[in-house]
N, C-alpha and C. Protein backbone atom coordinates (compact mmCIF):
# COMPACT_ATOMS: atom_id res chain seq x y z
N UNK A 1 -10.36 28.02 -95.60
CA UNK A 1 -9.44 27.52 -94.71
C UNK A 1 -8.94 26.67 -95.42
N UNK A 2 -8.10 26.19 -95.80
CA UNK A 2 -7.51 24.80 -96.40
C UNK A 2 -8.15 23.36 -95.18
N UNK A 3 -7.57 22.62 -96.18
CA UNK A 3 -8.30 20.88 -95.67
C UNK A 3 -7.20 21.01 -94.84
N UNK A 4 -7.42 19.67 -93.25
CA UNK A 4 -6.16 19.90 -92.81
C UNK A 4 -5.67 18.43 -93.57
N UNK A 5 -4.03 17.74 -92.80
CA UNK A 5 -3.89 16.85 -93.64
C UNK A 5 -5.02 15.23 -93.28
N UNK A 6 -5.24 15.28 -92.42
CA UNK A 6 -6.38 14.43 -92.59
C UNK A 6 -7.33 14.38 -93.65
N UNK A 7 -7.51 15.15 -93.99
CA UNK A 7 -9.16 15.40 -95.08
C UNK A 7 -7.65 14.58 -96.72
N UNK A 8 -6.37 14.00 -96.50
CA UNK A 8 -6.12 13.70 -97.44
C UNK A 8 -6.21 12.21 -97.48
N UNK A 9 -7.09 11.67 -96.71
CA UNK A 9 -7.09 9.87 -96.43
C UNK A 9 -8.67 9.81 -95.78
N UNK A 10 -8.47 8.11 -96.85
CA UNK A 10 -10.48 7.50 -96.34
C UNK A 10 -10.77 7.66 -95.07
N UNK A 11 -11.72 7.34 -95.19
CA UNK A 11 -11.94 7.21 -93.40
C UNK A 11 -11.19 6.49 -92.60
N UNK A 12 -11.22 5.41 -93.15
CA UNK A 12 -10.90 4.13 -92.39
C UNK A 12 -9.54 4.06 -92.23
N UNK A 13 -9.24 5.05 -93.47
CA UNK A 13 -7.45 5.35 -93.16
C UNK A 13 -7.38 5.81 -91.80
N UNK A 14 -7.81 7.84 -91.26
CA UNK A 14 -8.54 7.86 -90.56
C UNK A 14 -8.42 7.52 -89.33
N UNK A 15 -9.67 6.27 -89.44
CA UNK A 15 -10.36 5.81 -88.05
C UNK A 15 -8.83 4.03 -87.46
N UNK A 16 -8.16 3.84 -88.80
CA UNK A 16 -7.41 2.99 -88.09
C UNK A 16 -6.03 3.90 -87.45
N UNK A 17 -6.08 4.71 -87.64
CA UNK A 17 -4.66 5.65 -87.40
C UNK A 17 -5.25 6.40 -86.23
N UNK A 18 -6.51 6.21 -85.84
CA UNK A 18 -6.96 7.29 -84.29
C UNK A 18 -6.71 6.38 -83.44
N UNK A 19 -7.32 4.98 -83.71
CA UNK A 19 -7.00 3.23 -83.28
C UNK A 19 -5.70 3.14 -82.72
N UNK A 20 -5.44 2.99 -83.97
CA UNK A 20 -3.69 2.81 -83.47
C UNK A 20 -2.62 4.53 -82.60
N UNK A 21 -3.61 5.36 -82.32
CA UNK A 21 -2.50 6.44 -81.39
C UNK A 21 -3.39 6.33 -80.08
N UNK A 22 -4.70 5.74 -80.35
CA UNK A 22 -4.79 5.83 -78.67
C UNK A 22 -4.85 4.65 -77.76
N UNK A 23 -3.82 3.04 -78.72
CA UNK A 23 -2.52 2.34 -78.57
C UNK A 23 -1.47 2.65 -78.19
N UNK A 24 -1.34 3.56 -78.89
CA UNK A 24 0.65 4.21 -78.77
C UNK A 24 0.82 4.40 -77.49
N UNK A 25 0.65 4.20 -76.44
CA UNK A 25 0.71 5.00 -74.79
C UNK A 25 1.04 3.09 -74.25
N UNK A 26 1.95 2.96 -74.10
CA UNK A 26 1.75 1.18 -72.80
C UNK A 26 1.56 0.99 -71.69
N UNK A 27 0.94 2.40 -71.07
CA UNK A 27 -0.14 2.34 -70.70
C UNK A 27 -1.92 2.47 -70.08
N UNK A 28 -2.05 2.69 -71.79
CA UNK A 28 -3.35 2.16 -72.81
C UNK A 28 -3.45 1.37 -73.20
N UNK A 29 -2.30 0.10 -73.30
CA UNK A 29 -1.93 -0.98 -73.26
C UNK A 29 -2.19 -2.20 -72.58
N UNK A 30 -1.51 -1.15 -71.49
CA UNK A 30 -1.89 -2.17 -69.88
C UNK A 30 -3.47 -2.00 -69.91
N UNK A 31 -4.26 -1.14 -70.05
CA UNK A 31 -5.66 -0.75 -69.88
C UNK A 31 -5.97 -2.11 -70.43
N UNK A 32 -6.09 -2.00 -71.79
CA UNK A 32 -6.48 -2.72 -72.39
C UNK A 32 -6.99 -3.96 -71.42
N UNK A 33 -5.53 -4.19 -71.74
CA UNK A 33 -5.59 -5.69 -71.34
C UNK A 33 -5.13 -6.01 -69.53
N UNK A 34 -5.69 -5.04 -69.43
CA UNK A 34 -6.37 -5.27 -67.72
C UNK A 34 -7.78 -5.55 -68.36
N UNK A 35 -8.26 -4.88 -68.41
CA UNK A 35 -10.26 -4.61 -68.99
C UNK A 35 -9.97 -6.15 -69.72
N UNK A 36 -9.13 -7.38 -70.64
CA UNK A 36 -9.41 -8.06 -71.55
C UNK A 36 -9.21 -8.73 -70.33
N UNK A 37 -8.55 -8.93 -68.86
CA UNK A 37 -8.34 -9.77 -68.13
C UNK A 37 -9.74 -10.02 -67.31
N UNK A 38 -10.52 -8.74 -66.51
CA UNK A 38 -11.81 -8.36 -66.04
C UNK A 38 -12.29 -8.42 -66.30
N UNK A 39 -12.56 -8.65 -67.61
CA UNK A 39 -14.27 -8.43 -68.52
C UNK A 39 -14.81 -6.39 -67.95
N UNK A 40 -14.58 -6.16 -67.10
CA UNK A 40 -15.80 -5.08 -66.45
C UNK A 40 -14.71 -4.82 -65.74
N UNK A 41 -14.79 -2.90 -65.21
CA UNK A 41 -14.15 -2.34 -63.67
C UNK A 41 -14.52 -0.95 -63.57
N UNK A 42 -14.60 -0.24 -62.66
CA UNK A 42 -14.37 0.85 -62.84
C UNK A 42 -13.28 1.48 -62.46
N UNK A 43 -12.70 2.93 -62.57
CA UNK A 43 -11.01 2.98 -62.31
C UNK A 43 -10.80 2.91 -61.24
N UNK A 44 -11.10 2.81 -60.39
CA UNK A 44 -10.65 2.84 -59.00
C UNK A 44 -10.21 1.45 -59.33
N UNK A 45 -10.17 0.63 -59.84
CA UNK A 45 -9.86 -1.27 -60.44
C UNK A 45 -8.43 -0.40 -60.92
N UNK A 46 -8.24 -0.06 -62.15
CA UNK A 46 -7.47 -0.08 -62.70
C UNK A 46 -6.00 0.88 -62.11
N UNK A 47 -6.77 1.91 -60.84
CA UNK A 47 -5.30 2.54 -60.26
C UNK A 47 -4.50 1.38 -59.74
N UNK A 48 -5.66 0.95 -58.92
CA UNK A 48 -4.93 -0.33 -58.28
C UNK A 48 -4.10 -1.15 -58.26
N UNK A 49 -4.29 -1.43 -60.01
CA UNK A 49 -3.28 -1.96 -60.64
C UNK A 49 -2.47 -1.76 -61.95
N UNK A 50 -2.27 -0.59 -61.23
CA UNK A 50 -1.07 0.40 -62.87
C UNK A 50 -0.66 1.41 -61.12
N UNK A 51 1.07 1.65 -61.91
CA UNK A 51 1.58 2.02 -61.20
C UNK A 51 1.60 3.81 -61.80
N UNK A 52 0.07 3.98 -61.50
CA UNK A 52 -0.05 5.30 -62.18
C UNK A 52 -1.68 6.31 -61.08
N UNK A 53 -1.07 8.05 -61.49
CA UNK A 53 -1.99 8.31 -60.40
C UNK A 53 -3.85 8.42 -60.99
N UNK A 54 -4.63 8.16 -60.25
CA UNK A 54 -5.88 8.08 -60.57
C UNK A 54 -6.46 9.75 -61.52
N UNK A 55 -5.59 10.75 -62.10
CA UNK A 55 -5.27 12.10 -63.14
C UNK A 55 -5.30 11.32 -64.03
N UNK A 56 -4.08 10.57 -63.87
CA UNK A 56 -3.23 10.01 -65.11
C UNK A 56 -4.50 8.87 -65.86
N UNK A 57 -4.60 8.00 -64.67
CA UNK A 57 -5.36 7.22 -65.66
C UNK A 57 -6.41 7.33 -66.28
N UNK A 58 -7.33 8.32 -65.53
CA UNK A 58 -8.70 9.03 -66.09
C UNK A 58 -8.41 9.53 -67.33
N UNK A 59 -7.22 10.26 -67.52
CA UNK A 59 -6.70 10.97 -68.72
C UNK A 59 -6.83 9.59 -69.84
N UNK A 60 -5.64 8.22 -69.13
CA UNK A 60 -5.57 7.38 -70.93
C UNK A 60 -6.99 6.71 -70.92
N UNK A 61 -8.21 6.57 -69.99
CA UNK A 61 -9.08 5.97 -70.22
C UNK A 61 -9.95 7.50 -71.01
N UNK A 62 -10.11 8.23 -70.95
CA UNK A 62 -10.57 9.22 -72.06
C UNK A 62 -10.04 9.13 -72.84
N UNK A 63 -8.91 8.98 -73.68
CA UNK A 63 -8.43 8.47 -74.79
C UNK A 63 -8.57 7.89 -75.46
N UNK A 64 -8.75 6.37 -74.30
CA UNK A 64 -9.66 5.21 -75.37
C UNK A 64 -10.73 6.01 -75.42
N UNK A 65 -11.44 5.80 -74.32
CA UNK A 65 -13.14 5.39 -74.88
C UNK A 65 -12.84 7.52 -76.03
N UNK A 66 -12.26 8.51 -76.31
CA UNK A 66 -12.88 8.91 -77.96
C UNK A 66 -12.30 8.36 -78.65
N UNK A 67 -11.95 6.33 -78.76
CA UNK A 67 -10.87 6.61 -80.30
C UNK A 67 -12.11 5.91 -79.94
N UNK A 68 -12.76 5.16 -79.22
CA UNK A 68 -13.63 3.88 -79.22
C UNK A 68 -13.09 2.78 -79.25
N UNK A 69 -12.32 2.49 -77.83
CA UNK A 69 -11.90 1.05 -78.18
C UNK A 69 -12.38 1.02 -76.47
N UNK A 70 -13.05 1.44 -76.18
CA UNK A 70 -13.18 1.55 -75.02
C UNK A 70 -15.12 1.90 -74.96
N UNK A 71 -15.86 0.85 -73.59
CA UNK A 71 -16.83 1.97 -73.48
C UNK A 71 -16.62 1.85 -71.75
N UNK A 72 -18.21 2.98 -71.66
CA UNK A 72 -17.89 3.53 -70.30
C UNK A 72 -19.20 3.58 -70.11
N UNK A 73 -20.61 2.97 -68.61
CA UNK A 73 -22.03 2.74 -68.75
C UNK A 73 -21.78 3.88 -67.29
N UNK A 74 -22.47 4.36 -67.09
CA UNK A 74 -22.29 5.05 -65.37
C UNK A 74 -23.29 3.56 -64.80
N UNK A 75 -22.87 3.75 -63.36
CA UNK A 75 -23.45 2.64 -62.15
C UNK A 75 -23.32 3.25 -61.07
N UNK A 76 -24.22 4.00 -60.67
CA UNK A 76 -24.26 4.79 -59.51
C UNK A 76 -23.49 5.98 -59.23
N UNK A 77 -21.82 5.95 -58.78
CA UNK A 77 -21.85 7.56 -58.85
C UNK A 77 -20.38 7.12 -58.76
N UNK A 78 -20.00 5.91 -60.54
CA UNK A 78 -18.87 5.39 -61.23
C UNK A 78 -18.89 4.79 -62.05
N UNK A 79 -17.80 5.22 -62.61
CA UNK A 79 -17.72 4.42 -64.76
C UNK A 79 -17.66 3.09 -64.62
N UNK A 80 -18.31 1.98 -65.16
CA UNK A 80 -17.94 1.14 -65.49
C UNK A 80 -17.13 0.53 -67.25
N UNK A 81 -15.70 0.38 -66.82
CA UNK A 81 -15.32 1.10 -68.24
C UNK A 81 -15.23 -1.03 -68.82
N UNK A 82 -15.60 -1.62 -70.09
CA UNK A 82 -15.14 -2.69 -70.84
C UNK A 82 -14.76 -2.19 -72.11
N UNK A 83 -14.49 -3.09 -72.61
CA UNK A 83 -13.54 -3.15 -74.10
C UNK A 83 -14.55 -2.81 -74.92
N UNK A 84 -14.44 -2.60 -76.29
CA UNK A 84 -15.77 -2.15 -77.48
C UNK A 84 -14.98 -3.12 -78.01
N UNK A 85 -15.79 -4.59 -79.24
CA UNK A 85 -15.31 -5.09 -79.44
C UNK A 85 -15.06 -4.81 -80.94
N UNK A 86 -16.31 -3.52 -81.24
CA UNK A 86 -16.10 -3.53 -82.02
C UNK A 86 -14.83 -2.69 -82.99
N UNK A 87 -14.12 -1.78 -82.16
CA UNK A 87 -13.05 -1.36 -82.79
C UNK A 87 -11.43 -1.65 -82.96
N UNK A 88 -12.25 -2.88 -81.66
CA UNK A 88 -11.29 -4.37 -81.36
C UNK A 88 -11.04 -5.17 -83.08
N UNK A 89 -12.40 -5.39 -83.43
CA UNK A 89 -12.18 -5.60 -84.70
C UNK A 89 -11.73 -5.60 -85.85
N UNK A 90 -11.83 -4.21 -85.76
CA UNK A 90 -11.91 -3.24 -86.64
C UNK A 90 -9.87 -3.46 -86.95
N UNK A 91 -9.04 -3.44 -85.74
CA UNK A 91 -7.65 -3.15 -85.37
C UNK A 91 -7.97 -5.12 -85.72
N UNK A 92 -8.23 -5.61 -85.76
CA UNK A 92 -8.02 -6.94 -86.02
C UNK A 92 -8.29 -7.84 -87.89
N UNK A 93 -9.03 -7.30 -88.21
CA UNK A 93 -9.50 -6.92 -89.05
C UNK A 93 -8.08 -6.55 -90.32
N UNK A 94 -8.25 -5.01 -89.45
CA UNK A 94 -6.50 -4.57 -90.28
C UNK A 94 -5.19 -5.11 -90.68
N UNK A 95 -5.14 -5.47 -89.08
CA UNK A 95 -4.04 -5.81 -89.32
C UNK A 95 -3.87 -7.59 -89.83
N UNK A 96 -4.70 -8.36 -89.95
CA UNK A 96 -5.42 -9.06 -90.16
C UNK A 96 -5.08 -9.43 -91.34
N UNK A 97 -5.45 -8.27 -93.04
CA UNK A 97 -5.22 -8.43 -93.96
C UNK A 97 -3.70 -8.03 -94.31
N UNK A 98 -3.22 -7.52 -93.22
CA UNK A 98 -1.74 -6.94 -94.14
C UNK A 98 -0.79 -8.40 -93.29
N UNK A 99 -0.84 -9.27 -92.17
CA UNK A 99 -0.53 -10.60 -92.05
C UNK A 99 -0.83 -11.02 -93.21
N UNK A 100 -1.75 -11.25 -93.82
CA UNK A 100 -1.99 -12.42 -94.97
C UNK A 100 -1.67 -12.05 -96.14
N UNK A 101 -1.50 -10.58 -96.93
CA UNK A 101 -1.51 -10.24 -98.07
C UNK A 101 0.77 -10.08 -97.71
N UNK A 102 0.82 -10.41 -96.44
CA UNK A 102 2.43 -10.37 -96.35
C UNK A 102 2.77 -12.05 -96.55
N UNK A 103 2.86 -12.72 -96.24
CA UNK A 103 2.92 -13.68 -95.90
C UNK A 103 2.32 -14.88 -97.61
N UNK A 104 1.11 -14.47 -98.43
CA UNK A 104 1.24 -14.46 -99.80
C UNK A 104 2.38 -14.01 -101.14
N UNK A 105 2.28 -12.98 -100.47
CA UNK A 105 3.31 -12.19 -101.35
C UNK A 105 5.05 -12.97 -101.81
N UNK A 106 5.61 -12.60 -102.17
CA UNK A 106 6.99 -12.47 -102.60
C UNK A 106 7.56 -11.40 -101.44
N UNK A 107 8.44 -12.06 -101.19
CA UNK A 107 8.88 -10.14 -100.56
C UNK A 107 10.02 -10.37 -101.03
N UNK A 108 10.35 -8.95 -102.22
CA UNK A 108 12.09 -9.01 -102.47
C UNK A 108 12.51 -7.55 -102.26
N UNK A 109 11.75 -7.38 -100.99
CA UNK A 109 12.52 -6.26 -100.35
C UNK A 109 13.89 -6.75 -99.70
N UNK A 110 14.89 -5.12 -99.48
CA UNK A 110 15.54 -4.76 -99.36
C UNK A 110 16.22 -6.65 -99.27
């Protein structure tokens, strides 16, 4: 079998792409912003905050968790979600490096 297209890129490039894809939906951005505001919460809290059905919120939470942007701990019969600071730090470093390079380089584009 041939290599997948992601095999042609570095682990770091694939990791950043996974994180970026996970936040590539406005509902997921809203979930992250809500979690930043409240620190931790359960799915029902997010359902009450967003104009989405509970199954839709659960699916978005699953995508964010699979990408590593959030963590979920079981508390009784509910899962308590919070931001994974390490993943946010990776995005911050990546975009911070881009910003720094753009600011220090002379832009001769277009």
